Amino acid sequence: MALSAPGPSRFLSPEVVAGLGTLELKARTIVEGLLLGLHRSPFRGSSVEFAEYRQYMPGDDPSTVDWKVYARSDRHYVKKFEHDTNVEVQLLVDTSASMAYRSGSGMTKLQYAQCLTAALAYLLTGQRDAVGLGLYDDRLRDYVPSAVKAGQLTRLLVALDHARPGAASDTATALKQVTDRLRRRGLIVVCSDLLDDQARVVEGLRLLRARGMEVVVFHVLDEAELTFPFEQAGTFRDVETGEEILTHGASARQAYLDAVGAWREAYVTELRGAGVDYQLARTSEPLDLSLLGWLGARGRTL
């Protein structure tokens, strides 16, 4: 895919990304959009030794483009490095039943989380970090151990591609199961709608921070969950518990928005207070924009 000049038009809507084909192509497209939004790659190791430049060629990993050189010369040059693995990363994706929700024509929450996680896997394996993956609902359903070896990105993308909505969510249990398998301190990235026992989720993430882990949470929510655009009377059903409530959309909107606002603010306050990076990921927004929001908040470094 050709690289284009940075600008607002670089962002691709979730609807466009959804129609791109393979998960690998989606991940690559998201990464290219992300990197065009930054003057330098934020994913750099602490022990990276510069080797040489060469001109960018189709098929090269876009994360190796030197954007400082591009800014001076208007040409794309690739930096070649010798890397030491410096981070162990575990990507954790919520595949519970509520993640199947989609209000419009774009992506479900699960599809959005899959693409977001695939883009991170593409970036991190490209810099030779040890990357693993966990898929969970009420417990850990699939697990790819973190590793730096040939074919690891393919293993991660295949597992992600096979993810399907399952049972009710139990994030705290999944966090415990994944943590027990980690060999050393590192980074854990959670993609979830957090429709769960809030106190247990927060406590599970706090425990990870207490163990010296860096933790990032992408809070994946559908636009309708944030704005409640429903006007007519109807029955609303919890897909995980089966509980139903009959209400009038327009009449219930303000009470709903107040409750959701307080619920989300509690997550923001508790998690950021515990040193957990929190990033809202709206399924209506471009995926590279969601990643840029997180990277901008952390000073564009990993």
C-alpha atoms as a PDB file:
ATOM      1  CA  MET A   1       0.000   0.000   0.000  1.00  0.00           C
ATOM      2  CA  ALA A   2       1.347   3.390  -0.952  1.00  0.00           C
ATOM      3  CA  LEU A   3       2.074   5.835   1.812  1.00  0.00           C
ATOM      4  CA  SER A   4       0.306   9.170   1.573  1.00  0.00           C
ATOM      5  CA  ALA A   5       0.929  12.539   3.110  1.00  0.00           C
ATOM      6  CA  PRO A   6      -0.229  13.071   6.668  1.00  0.00           C
ATOM      7  CA  GLY A   7      -3.516  14.851   7.197  1.00  0.00           C
ATOM      8  CA  PRO A   8      -7.063  14.387   8.436  1.00  0.00           C
ATOM      9  CA  SER A   9      -8.012  12.421   5.306  1.00  0.00           C
ATOM     10  CA  ARG A  10      -5.654   9.600   6.240  1.00  0.00           C
ATOM     11  CA  PHE A  11      -8.129   8.260   8.817  1.00  0.00           C
ATOM     12  CA  LEU A  12     -10.221   5.380   7.540  1.00  0.00           C
ATOM     13  CA  SER A  13     -13.661   4.760   8.982  1.00  0.00           C
ATOM     14  CA  PRO A  14     -14.352   1.415  10.681  1.00  0.00           C
ATOM     15  CA  GLU A  15     -16.743   0.602   7.818  1.00  0.00           C
ATOM     16  CA  VAL A  16     -13.889   0.912   5.314  1.00  0.00           C
ATOM     17  CA  VAL A  17     -11.488  -1.128   7.435  1.00  0.00           C
ATOM     18  CA  ALA A  18     -14.139  -3.824   7.925  1.00  0.00           C
ATOM     19  CA  GLY A  19     -14.282  -4.361   4.160  1.00  0.00           C
ATOM     20  CA  LEU A  20     -10.535  -4.658   3.571  1.00  0.00           C
ATOM     21  CA  GLY A  21     -10.352  -8.446   3.690  1.00  0.00           C
ATOM     22  CA  THR A  22      -7.828 -10.269   5.863  1.00  0.00           C
ATOM     23  CA  LEU A  23      -7.055  -9.269   9.423  1.00  0.00           C
ATOM     24  CA  GLU A  24      -3.410  -8.828   8.435  1.00  0.00           C
ATOM     25  CA  LEU A  25      -4.353  -6.285   5.772  1.00  0.00           C
ATOM     26  CA  LYS A  26      -6.574  -4.459   8.241  1.00  0.00           C
ATOM     27  CA  ALA A  27      -3.758  -4.357  10.794  1.00  0.00           C
ATOM     28  CA  ARG A  28      -1.254  -3.064   8.245  1.00  0.00           C
ATOM     29  CA  THR A  29      -3.649  -0.357   7.062  1.00  0.00           C
ATOM     30  CA  ILE A  30      -4.324   0.806  10.617  1.00  0.00           C
ATOM     31  CA  VAL A  31      -0.597   0.893  11.376  1.00  0.00           C
ATOM     32  CA  GLU A  32       0.167   2.942   8.279  1.00  0.00           C
ATOM     33  CA  GLY A  33      -2.514   5.442   9.262  1.00  0.00           C
ATOM     34  CA  LEU A  34      -1.147   5.569  12.786  1.00  0.00           C
ATOM     35  CA  LEU A  35       2.442   6.145  11.729  1.00  0.00           C
ATOM     36  CA  LEU A  36       1.484   8.846   9.284  1.00  0.00           C
ATOM     37  CA  GLY A  37       0.005  10.672  12.278  1.00  0.00           C
ATOM     38  CA  LEU A  38       3.297  10.736  14.120  1.00  0.00           C
ATOM     39  CA  HIS A  39       6.588  12.421  13.232  1.00  0.00           C
ATOM     40  CA  ARG A  40       8.470   9.445  14.651  1.00  0.00           C
ATOM     41  CA  SER A  41       7.555   5.896  15.562  1.00  0.00           C
ATOM     42  CA  PRO A  42       6.501   5.635  19.222  1.00  0.00           C
ATOM     43  CA  PHE A  43       7.387   1.930  19.331  1.00  0.00           C
ATOM     44  CA  ARG A  44      11.086   1.906  19.906  1.00  0.00           C
ATOM     45  CA  GLY A  45      13.126  -0.304  22.211  1.00  0.00           C
ATOM     46  CA  SER A  46      15.409   0.933  24.954  1.00  0.00           C
ATOM     47  CA  SER A  47      18.386  -0.890  23.427  1.00  0.00           C
ATOM     48  CA  VAL A  48      18.039  -0.270  19.706  1.00  0.00           C
ATOM     49  CA  GLU A  49      21.217   0.309  17.719  1.00  0.00           C
ATOM     50  CA  PHE A  50      20.978   2.207  14.431  1.00  0.00           C
ATOM     51  CA  ALA A  51      22.525   0.384  11.483  1.00  0.00           C
ATOM     52  CA  GLU A  52      21.780   2.084   8.141  1.00  0.00           C
ATOM     53  CA  TYR A  53      19.240   3.757   5.871  1.00  0.00           C
ATOM     54  CA  ARG A  54      17.765   2.557   2.635  1.00  0.00           C
ATOM     55  CA  GLN A  55      14.848   3.749   0.505  1.00  0.00           C
ATOM     56  CA  TYR A  56      11.363   2.500   1.433  1.00  0.00           C
ATOM     57  CA  MET A  57      10.148  -0.348  -0.800  1.00  0.00           C
ATOM     58  CA  PRO A  58       6.626  -1.797  -1.149  1.00  0.00           C
ATOM     59  CA  GLY A  59       6.242  -4.550   1.421  1.00  0.00           C
ATOM     60  CA  ASP A  60       8.556  -2.974   4.003  1.00  0.00           C
ATOM     61  CA  ASP A  61       7.308  -2.673   7.573  1.00  0.00           C
ATOM     62  CA  PRO A  62       6.026   0.944   7.769  1.00  0.00           C
ATOM     63  CA  SER A  63       7.109   1.167  11.406  1.00  0.00           C
ATOM     64  CA  THR A  64      10.743   1.363  10.202  1.00  0.00           C
ATOM     65  CA  VAL A  65      10.218   4.584   8.203  1.00  0.00           C
ATOM     66  CA  ASP A  66      12.268   7.524   9.543  1.00  0.00           C
ATOM     67  CA  TRP A  67       9.768  10.376   9.674  1.00  0.00           C
ATOM     68  CA  LYS A  68      12.380  12.979  10.597  1.00  0.00           C
ATOM     69  CA  VAL A  69      14.189  12.264   7.340  1.00  0.00           C
ATOM     70  CA  TYR A  70      10.840  12.355   5.520  1.00  0.00           C
ATOM     71  CA  ALA A  71      10.077  15.795   6.989  1.00  0.00           C
ATOM     72  CA  ARG A  72      13.379  17.138   5.634  1.00  0.00           C
ATOM     73  CA  SER A  73      13.521  15.384   2.277  1.00  0.00           C
ATOM     74  CA  ASP A  74       9.898  14.457   1.420  1.00  0.00           C
ATOM     75  CA  ARG A  75      11.200  10.908   0.765  1.00  0.00           C
ATOM     76  CA  HIS A  76      10.525   7.711   2.655  1.00  0.00           C
ATOM     77  CA  TYR A  77      13.652   6.030   4.039  1.00  0.00           C
ATOM     78  CA  VAL A  78      13.754   2.909   6.152  1.00  0.00           C
ATOM     79  CA  LYS A  79      15.850   2.626   9.294  1.00  0.00           C
ATOM     80  CA  LYS A  80      17.462  -0.755   9.799  1.00  0.00           C
ATOM     81  CA  PHE A  81      18.122  -1.761  13.390  1.00  0.00           C
ATOM     82  CA  GLU A  82      19.565  -4.489  15.511  1.00  0.00           C
ATOM     83  CA  HIS A  83      17.027  -5.137  18.278  1.00  0.00           C
ATOM     84  CA  ASP A  84      17.167  -6.621  21.715  1.00  0.00           C
ATOM     85  CA  THR A  85      13.854  -7.903  23.029  1.00  0.00           C
ATOM     86  CA  ASN A  86      13.001  -5.543  25.847  1.00  0.00           C
ATOM     87  CA  VAL A  87       9.294  -5.954  26.496  1.00  0.00           C
ATOM     88  CA  GLU A  88       7.051  -8.940  27.156  1.00  0.00           C
ATOM     89  CA  VAL A  89       3.537  -8.027  26.045  1.00  0.00           C
ATOM     90  CA  GLN A  90       0.265  -9.840  26.650  1.00  0.00           C
ATOM     91  CA  LEU A  91      -2.715  -8.711  24.590  1.00  0.00           C
ATOM     92  CA  LEU A  92      -6.029  -9.635  26.232  1.00  0.00           C
ATOM     93  CA  VAL A  93      -9.321  -9.453  24.313  1.00  0.00           C
ATOM     94  CA  ASP A  94     -12.820  -9.734  25.786  1.00  0.00           C
ATOM     95  CA  THR A  95     -14.909 -12.126  23.654  1.00  0.00           C
ATOM     96  CA  SER A  96     -17.974 -12.172  25.917  1.00  0.00           C
ATOM     97  CA  ALA A  97     -21.514 -12.054  24.510  1.00  0.00           C
ATOM     98  CA  SER A  98     -21.882  -8.282  24.958  1.00  0.00           C
ATOM     99  CA  MET A  99     -18.954  -7.692  22.610  1.00  0.00           C
ATOM    100  CA  ALA A 100     -21.157  -8.857  19.711  1.00  0.00           C
ATOM    101  CA  TYR A 101     -23.199  -5.647  19.878  1.00  0.00           C
ATOM    102  CA  ARG A 102     -23.347  -3.310  16.889  1.00  0.00           C
ATOM    103  CA  SER A 103     -25.856  -0.486  16.508  1.00  0.00           C
ATOM    104  CA  GLY A 104     -24.973   0.673  12.998  1.00  0.00           C
ATOM    105  CA  SER A 105     -23.291  -0.510   9.817  1.00  0.00           C
ATOM    106  CA  GLY A 106     -19.736  -0.531  11.109  1.00  0.00           C
ATOM    107  CA  MET A 107     -18.011  -3.059  13.358  1.00  0.00           C
ATOM    108  CA  THR A 108     -19.200  -4.949  16.379  1.00  0.00           C
ATOM    109  CA  LYS A 109     -17.265  -4.207  19.545  1.00  0.00           C
ATOM    110  CA  LEU A 110     -15.472  -7.535  19.159  1.00  0.00           C
ATOM    111  CA  GLN A 111     -14.479  -6.818  15.552  1.00  0.00           C
ATOM    112  CA  TYR A 112     -13.169  -3.420  16.608  1.00  0.00           C
ATOM    113  CA  ALA A 113     -11.167  -5.005  19.449  1.00  0.00           C
ATOM    114  CA  GLN A 114      -9.802  -7.640  17.066  1.00  0.00           C
ATOM    115  CA  CYS A 115      -8.541  -5.003  14.623  1.00  0.00           C
ATOM    116  CA  LEU A 116      -7.125  -2.794  17.373  1.00  0.00           C
ATOM    117  CA  THR A 117      -5.275  -5.743  18.893  1.00  0.00           C
ATOM    118  CA  ALA A 118      -4.068  -6.954  15.489  1.00  0.00           C
ATOM    119  CA  ALA A 119      -2.557  -3.525  14.801  1.00  0.00           C
ATOM    120  CA  LEU A 120      -0.721  -3.596  18.138  1.00  0.00           C
ATOM    121  CA  ALA A 121       0.526  -7.117  17.428  1.00  0.00           C
ATOM    122  CA  TYR A 122       1.764  -5.979  14.009  1.00  0.00           C
ATOM    123  CA  LEU A 123       3.699  -3.081  15.528  1.00  0.00           C
ATOM    124  CA  LEU A 124       5.124  -4.923  18.526  1.00  0.00           C
ATOM    125  CA  THR A 125       6.235  -8.083  16.745  1.00  0.00           C
ATOM    126  CA  GLY A 126       7.832  -5.837  14.127  1.00  0.00           C
ATOM    127  CA  GLN A 127      10.184  -4.441  16.772  1.00  0.00           C
ATOM    128  CA  ARG A 128      10.881  -7.935  18.141  1.00  0.00           C
ATOM    129  CA  ASP A 129       9.053  -7.636  21.423  1.00  0.00           C
ATOM    130  CA  ALA A 130       7.746 -10.889  22.886  1.00  0.00           C
ATOM    131  CA  VAL A 131       4.001 -10.695  22.190  1.00  0.00           C
ATOM    132  CA  GLY A 132       1.284 -13.073  23.364  1.00  0.00           C
ATOM    133  CA  LEU A 133      -2.513 -13.160  23.247  1.00  0.00           C
ATOM    134  CA  GLY A 134      -5.377 -14.198  25.488  1.00  0.00           C
ATOM    135  CA  LEU A 135      -9.050 -14.440  24.502  1.00  0.00           C
ATOM    136  CA  TYR A 136     -11.585 -14.663  27.298  1.00  0.00           C
ATOM    137  CA  ASP A 137     -15.230 -14.509  28.341  1.00  0.00           C
ATOM    138  CA  ASP A 138     -15.996 -16.022  31.761  1.00  0.00           C
ATOM    139  CA  ARG A 139     -12.512 -17.573  31.680  1.00  0.00           C
ATOM    140  CA  LEU A 140      -9.486 -17.726  29.409  1.00  0.00           C
ATOM    141  CA  ARG A 141     -10.605 -19.511  26.220  1.00  0.00           C
ATOM    142  CA  ASP A 142      -7.517 -19.306  24.014  1.00  0.00           C
ATOM    143  CA  TYR A 143      -3.944 -18.431  24.819  1.00  0.00           C
ATOM    144  CA  VAL A 144      -0.857 -17.820  22.689  1.00  0.00           C
ATOM    145  CA  PRO A 145       2.270 -17.539  24.887  1.00  0.00           C
ATOM    146  CA  SER A 146       4.402 -14.458  24.332  1.00  0.00           C
ATOM    147  CA  ALA A 147       7.394 -15.215  22.131  1.00  0.00           C
ATOM    148  CA  VAL A 148       9.850 -13.816  19.631  1.00  0.00           C
ATOM    149  CA  LYS A 149      10.054 -16.348  16.828  1.00  0.00           C
ATOM    150  CA  ALA A 150       9.257 -16.813  13.171  1.00  0.00           C
ATOM    151  CA  GLY A 151       5.541 -16.946  12.499  1.00  0.00           C
ATOM    152  CA  GLN A 152       4.467 -15.411  15.821  1.00  0.00           C
ATOM    153  CA  LEU A 153       2.470 -12.633  14.164  1.00  0.00           C
ATOM    154  CA  THR A 154       0.636 -15.213  12.047  1.00  0.00           C
ATOM    155  CA  ARG A 155      -0.195 -17.260  15.150  1.00  0.00           C
ATOM    156  CA  LEU A 156      -1.564 -14.170  16.880  1.00  0.00           C
ATOM    157  CA  LEU A 157      -3.655 -13.083  13.891  1.00  0.00           C
ATOM    158  CA  VAL A 158      -5.083 -16.581  13.334  1.00  0.00           C
ATOM    159  CA  ALA A 159      -6.165 -16.816  16.979  1.00  0.00           C
ATOM    160  CA  LEU A 160      -7.702 -13.338  16.812  1.00  0.00           C
ATOM    161  CA  ASP A 161      -9.502 -14.138  13.576  1.00  0.00           C
ATOM    162  CA  HIS A 162     -11.112 -17.211  15.146  1.00  0.00           C
ATOM    163  CA  ALA A 163     -12.481 -15.298  18.146  1.00  0.00           C
ATOM    164  CA  ARG A 164     -16.251 -15.494  18.521  1.00  0.00           C
ATOM    165  CA  PRO A 165     -18.623 -14.026  21.140  1.00  0.00           C
ATOM    166  CA  GLY A 166     -19.103 -16.428  24.033  1.00  0.00           C
ATOM    167  CA  ALA A 167     -20.467 -16.399  27.580  1.00  0.00           C
ATOM    168  CA  ALA A 168     -20.721 -13.649  30.199  1.00  0.00           C
ATOM    169  CA  SER A 169     -17.595 -11.666  30.992  1.00  0.00           C
ATOM    170  CA  ASP A 170     -15.297 -12.305  33.966  1.00  0.00           C
ATOM    171  CA  THR A 171     -12.298 -10.087  33.360  1.00  0.00           C
ATOM    172  CA  ALA A 172     -10.853 -10.538  36.843  1.00  0.00           C
ATOM    173  CA  THR A 173     -10.598 -14.318  36.428  1.00  0.00           C
ATOM    174  CA  ALA A 174      -8.991 -13.976  32.996  1.00  0.00           C
ATOM    175  CA  LEU A 175      -6.443 -11.477  34.341  1.00  0.00           C
ATOM    176  CA  LYS A 176      -5.488 -13.914  37.102  1.00  0.00           C
ATOM    177  CA  GLN A 177      -5.117 -16.805  34.656  1.00  0.00           C
ATOM    178  CA  VAL A 178      -2.932 -14.777  32.295  1.00  0.00           C
ATOM    179  CA  THR A 179      -0.792 -13.307  35.070  1.00  0.00           C
ATOM    180  CA  ASP A 180      -0.013 -16.786  36.397  1.00  0.00           C
ATOM    181  CA  ARG A 181       1.516 -17.627  33.002  1.00  0.00           C
ATOM    182  CA  LEU A 182       3.726 -14.570  32.587  1.00  0.00           C
ATOM    183  CA  ARG A 183       7.462 -15.134  33.001  1.00  0.00           C
ATOM    184  CA  ARG A 184       8.469 -11.583  33.873  1.00  0.00           C
ATOM    185  CA  ARG A 185       7.229  -8.048  34.195  1.00  0.00           C
ATOM    186  CA  GLY A 186       5.966  -6.400  31.067  1.00  0.00           C
ATOM    187  CA  LEU A 187       2.944  -4.820  29.426  1.00  0.00           C
ATOM    188  CA  ILE A 188      -0.658  -6.050  29.477  1.00  0.00           C
ATOM    189  CA  VAL A 189      -3.161  -4.519  27.051  1.00  0.00           C
ATOM    190  CA  VAL A 190      -6.857  -5.217  27.699  1.00  0.00           C
ATOM    191  CA  CYS A 191      -9.541  -4.575  25.059  1.00  0.00           C
ATOM    192  CA  SER A 192     -12.993  -4.861  26.637  1.00  0.00           C
ATOM    193  CA  ASP A 193     -16.346  -3.128  27.010  1.00  0.00           C
ATOM    194  CA  LEU A 194     -15.875  -3.569  30.804  1.00  0.00           C
ATOM    195  CA  LEU A 195     -19.513  -4.628  31.231  1.00  0.00           C
ATOM    196  CA  ASP A 196     -18.512  -6.642  34.227  1.00  0.00           C
ATOM    197  CA  ASP A 197     -18.269  -6.519  38.005  1.00  0.00           C
ATOM    198  CA  GLN A 198     -16.552  -3.127  38.206  1.00  0.00           C
ATOM    199  CA  ALA A 199     -15.018  -3.602  41.652  1.00  0.00           C
ATOM    200  CA  ARG A 200     -13.459  -6.953  40.689  1.00  0.00           C
ATOM    201  CA  VAL A 201     -12.132  -5.589  37.379  1.00  0.00           C
ATOM    202  CA  VAL A 202     -10.496  -2.608  39.087  1.00  0.00           C
ATOM    203  CA  GLU A 203      -9.018  -4.805  41.821  1.00  0.00           C
ATOM    204  CA  GLY A 204      -7.607  -7.237  39.242  1.00  0.00           C
ATOM    205  CA  LEU A 205      -5.926  -4.421  37.346  1.00  0.00           C
ATOM    206  CA  ARG A 206      -4.612  -2.874  40.575  1.00  0.00           C
ATOM    207  CA  LEU A 207      -2.987  -6.177  41.494  1.00  0.00           C
ATOM    208  CA  LEU A 208      -1.201  -6.260  38.143  1.00  0.00           C
ATOM    209  CA  ARG A 209       0.177  -2.783  38.767  1.00  0.00           C
ATOM    210  CA  ALA A 210       1.258  -3.845  42.263  1.00  0.00           C
ATOM    211  CA  ARG A 211       3.252  -6.661  40.655  1.00  0.00           C
ATOM    212  CA  GLY A 212       5.114  -4.138  38.520  1.00  0.00           C
ATOM    213  CA  MET A 213       3.180  -4.678  35.290  1.00  0.00           C
ATOM    214  CA  GLU A 214       2.373  -1.798  32.965  1.00  0.00           C
ATOM    215  CA  VAL A 215      -1.341  -1.973  32.143  1.00  0.00           C
ATOM    216  CA  VAL A 216      -3.350  -0.390  29.330  1.00  0.00           C
ATOM    217  CA  VAL A 217      -7.131  -0.634  28.971  1.00  0.00           C
ATOM    218  CA  PHE A 218      -8.945   0.157  25.725  1.00  0.00           C
ATOM    219  CA  HIS A 219     -12.568   0.630  26.762  1.00  0.00           C
ATOM    220  CA  VAL A 220     -14.426  -0.445  23.621  1.00  0.00           C
ATOM    221  CA  LEU A 221     -17.967   0.924  23.420  1.00  0.00           C
ATOM    222  CA  ASP A 222     -20.531   1.278  20.652  1.00  0.00           C
ATOM    223  CA  GLU A 223     -21.726   4.789  19.846  1.00  0.00           C
ATOM    224  CA  ALA A 224     -25.296   3.884  20.835  1.00  0.00           C
ATOM    225  CA  GLU A 225     -24.083   2.761  24.258  1.00  0.00           C
ATOM    226  CA  LEU A 226     -22.606   6.223  24.766  1.00  0.00           C
ATOM    227  CA  THR A 227     -25.402   8.347  23.287  1.00  0.00           C
ATOM    228  CA  PHE A 228     -28.598   6.220  23.610  1.00  0.00           C
ATOM    229  CA  PRO A 229     -30.213   7.496  20.376  1.00  0.00           C
ATOM    230  CA  PHE A 230     -33.390   5.393  20.736  1.00  0.00           C
ATOM    231  CA  GLU A 231     -36.658   7.315  20.484  1.00  0.00           C
ATOM    232  CA  GLN A 232     -39.481   4.779  20.645  1.00  0.00           C
ATOM    233  CA  ALA A 233     -40.743   2.447  23.349  1.00  0.00           C
ATOM    234  CA  GLY A 234     -39.121  -0.972  23.220  1.00  0.00           C
ATOM    235  CA  THR A 235     -37.704  -3.904  25.101  1.00  0.00           C
ATOM    236  CA  PHE A 236     -34.007  -3.769  25.935  1.00  0.00           C
ATOM    237  CA  ARG A 237     -32.326  -7.078  26.748  1.00  0.00           C
ATOM    238  CA  ASP A 238     -29.009  -7.820  28.463  1.00  0.00           C
ATOM    239  CA  VAL A 239     -27.402 -10.355  26.127  1.00  0.00           C
ATOM    240  CA  GLU A 240     -25.333 -11.901  28.919  1.00  0.00           C
ATOM    241  CA  THR A 241     -27.949 -12.233  31.676  1.00  0.00           C
ATOM    242  CA  GLY A 242     -31.122 -12.320  29.579  1.00  0.00           C
ATOM    243  CA  GLU A 243     -32.679  -9.618  31.756  1.00  0.00           C
ATOM    244  CA  GLU A 244     -35.214  -7.461  29.892  1.00  0.00           C
ATOM    245  CA  ILE A 245     -36.676  -4.036  30.543  1.00  0.00           C
ATOM    246  CA  LEU A 246     -39.500  -2.253  28.712  1.00  0.00           C
ATOM    247  CA  THR A 247     -38.970   1.489  28.463  1.00  0.00           C
ATOM    248  CA  HIS A 248     -39.471   4.509  26.238  1.00  0.00           C
ATOM    249  CA  GLY A 249     -36.196   5.510  24.636  1.00  0.00           C
ATOM    250  CA  ALA A 250     -36.548   9.288  24.650  1.00  0.00           C
ATOM    251  CA  SER A 251     -37.925   9.364  28.194  1.00  0.00           C
ATOM    252  CA  ALA A 252     -35.170   7.142  29.572  1.00  0.00           C
ATOM    253  CA  ARG A 253     -32.269   8.826  27.757  1.00  0.00           C
ATOM    254  CA  GLN A 254     -31.148  11.313  30.386  1.00  0.00           C
ATOM    255  CA  ALA A 255     -31.270   8.816  33.246  1.00  0.00           C
ATOM    256  CA  TYR A 256     -29.321   6.349  31.091  1.00  0.00           C
ATOM    257  CA  LEU A 257     -26.695   8.916  30.104  1.00  0.00           C
ATOM    258  CA  ASP A 258     -26.254   9.973  33.733  1.00  0.00           C
ATOM    259  CA  ALA A 259     -25.786   6.354  34.823  1.00  0.00           C
ATOM    260  CA  VAL A 260     -23.337   5.534  32.007  1.00  0.00           C
ATOM    261  CA  GLY A 261     -21.407   8.730  32.615  1.00  0.00           C
ATOM    262  CA  ALA A 262     -21.013   7.931  36.309  1.00  0.00           C
ATOM    263  CA  TRP A 263     -20.068   4.317  35.524  1.00  0.00           C
ATOM    264  CA  ARG A 264     -17.404   5.348  33.029  1.00  0.00           C
ATOM    265  CA  GLU A 265     -16.080   8.135  35.240  1.00  0.00           C
ATOM    266  CA  ALA A 266     -15.644   5.619  38.063  1.00  0.00           C
ATOM    267  CA  TYR A 267     -13.478   3.478  35.771  1.00  0.00           C
ATOM    268  CA  VAL A 268     -11.445   6.485  34.652  1.00  0.00           C
ATOM    269  CA  THR A 269     -10.864   7.709  38.201  1.00  0.00           C
ATOM    270  CA  GLU A 270     -10.061   4.309  39.702  1.00  0.00           C
ATOM    271  CA  LEU A 271      -7.827   3.072  36.895  1.00  0.00           C
ATOM    272  CA  ARG A 272      -5.852   6.251  36.364  1.00  0.00           C
ATOM    273  CA  GLY A 273      -5.488   6.555  40.128  1.00  0.00           C
ATOM    274  CA  ALA A 274      -3.940   3.082  40.110  1.00  0.00           C
ATOM    275  CA  GLY A 275      -1.511   4.001  37.318  1.00  0.00           C
ATOM    276  CA  VAL A 276      -3.433   2.162  34.590  1.00  0.00           C
ATOM    277  CA  ASP A 277      -3.586   3.812  31.164  1.00  0.00           C
ATOM    278  CA  TYR A 278      -7.255   4.200  30.198  1.00  0.00           C
ATOM    279  CA  GLN A 279      -8.362   4.953  26.645  1.00  0.00           C
ATOM    280  CA  LEU A 280     -11.948   5.141  25.415  1.00  0.00           C
ATOM    281  CA  ALA A 281     -12.270   3.414  22.033  1.00  0.00           C
ATOM    282  CA  ARG A 282     -15.544   4.298  20.296  1.00  0.00           C
ATOM    283  CA  THR A 283     -16.424   1.864  17.521  1.00  0.00           C
ATOM    284  CA  SER A 284     -17.529   4.818  15.376  1.00  0.00           C
ATOM    285  CA  GLU A 285     -13.997   6.287  15.370  1.00  0.00           C
ATOM    286  CA  PRO A 286     -11.080   5.322  13.111  1.00  0.00           C
ATOM    287  CA  LEU A 287      -8.918   2.684  14.769  1.00  0.00           C
ATOM    288  CA  ASP A 288      -5.684   4.558  14.181  1.00  0.00           C
ATOM    289  CA  LEU A 289      -7.258   7.538  15.939  1.00  0.00           C
ATOM    290  CA  SER A 290      -7.954   5.391  19.009  1.00  0.00           C
ATOM    291  CA  LEU A 291      -4.300   4.320  19.059  1.00  0.00           C
ATOM    292  CA  LEU A 292      -3.115   7.880  18.514  1.00  0.00           C
ATOM    293  CA  GLY A 293      -5.175   9.024  21.490  1.00  0.00           C
ATOM    294  CA  TRP A 294      -3.407   6.543  23.738  1.00  0.00           C
ATOM    295  CA  LEU A 295       0.061   7.267  22.370  1.00  0.00           C
ATOM    296  CA  GLY A 296      -0.460  11.000  22.658  1.00  0.00           C
ATOM    297  CA  ALA A 297      -1.469  10.633  26.305  1.00  0.00           C
ATOM    298  CA  ARG A 298       1.693   8.685  27.105  1.00  0.00           C
ATOM    299  CA  GLY A 299       4.102  10.979  25.252  1.00  0.00           C
ATOM    300  CA  ARG A 300       4.409   8.734  22.159  1.00  0.00           C
ATOM    301  CA  THR A 301       6.669   6.211  23.827  1.00  0.00           C
ATOM    302  CA  LEU A 302       6.329   2.548  24.693  1.00  0.00           C
END
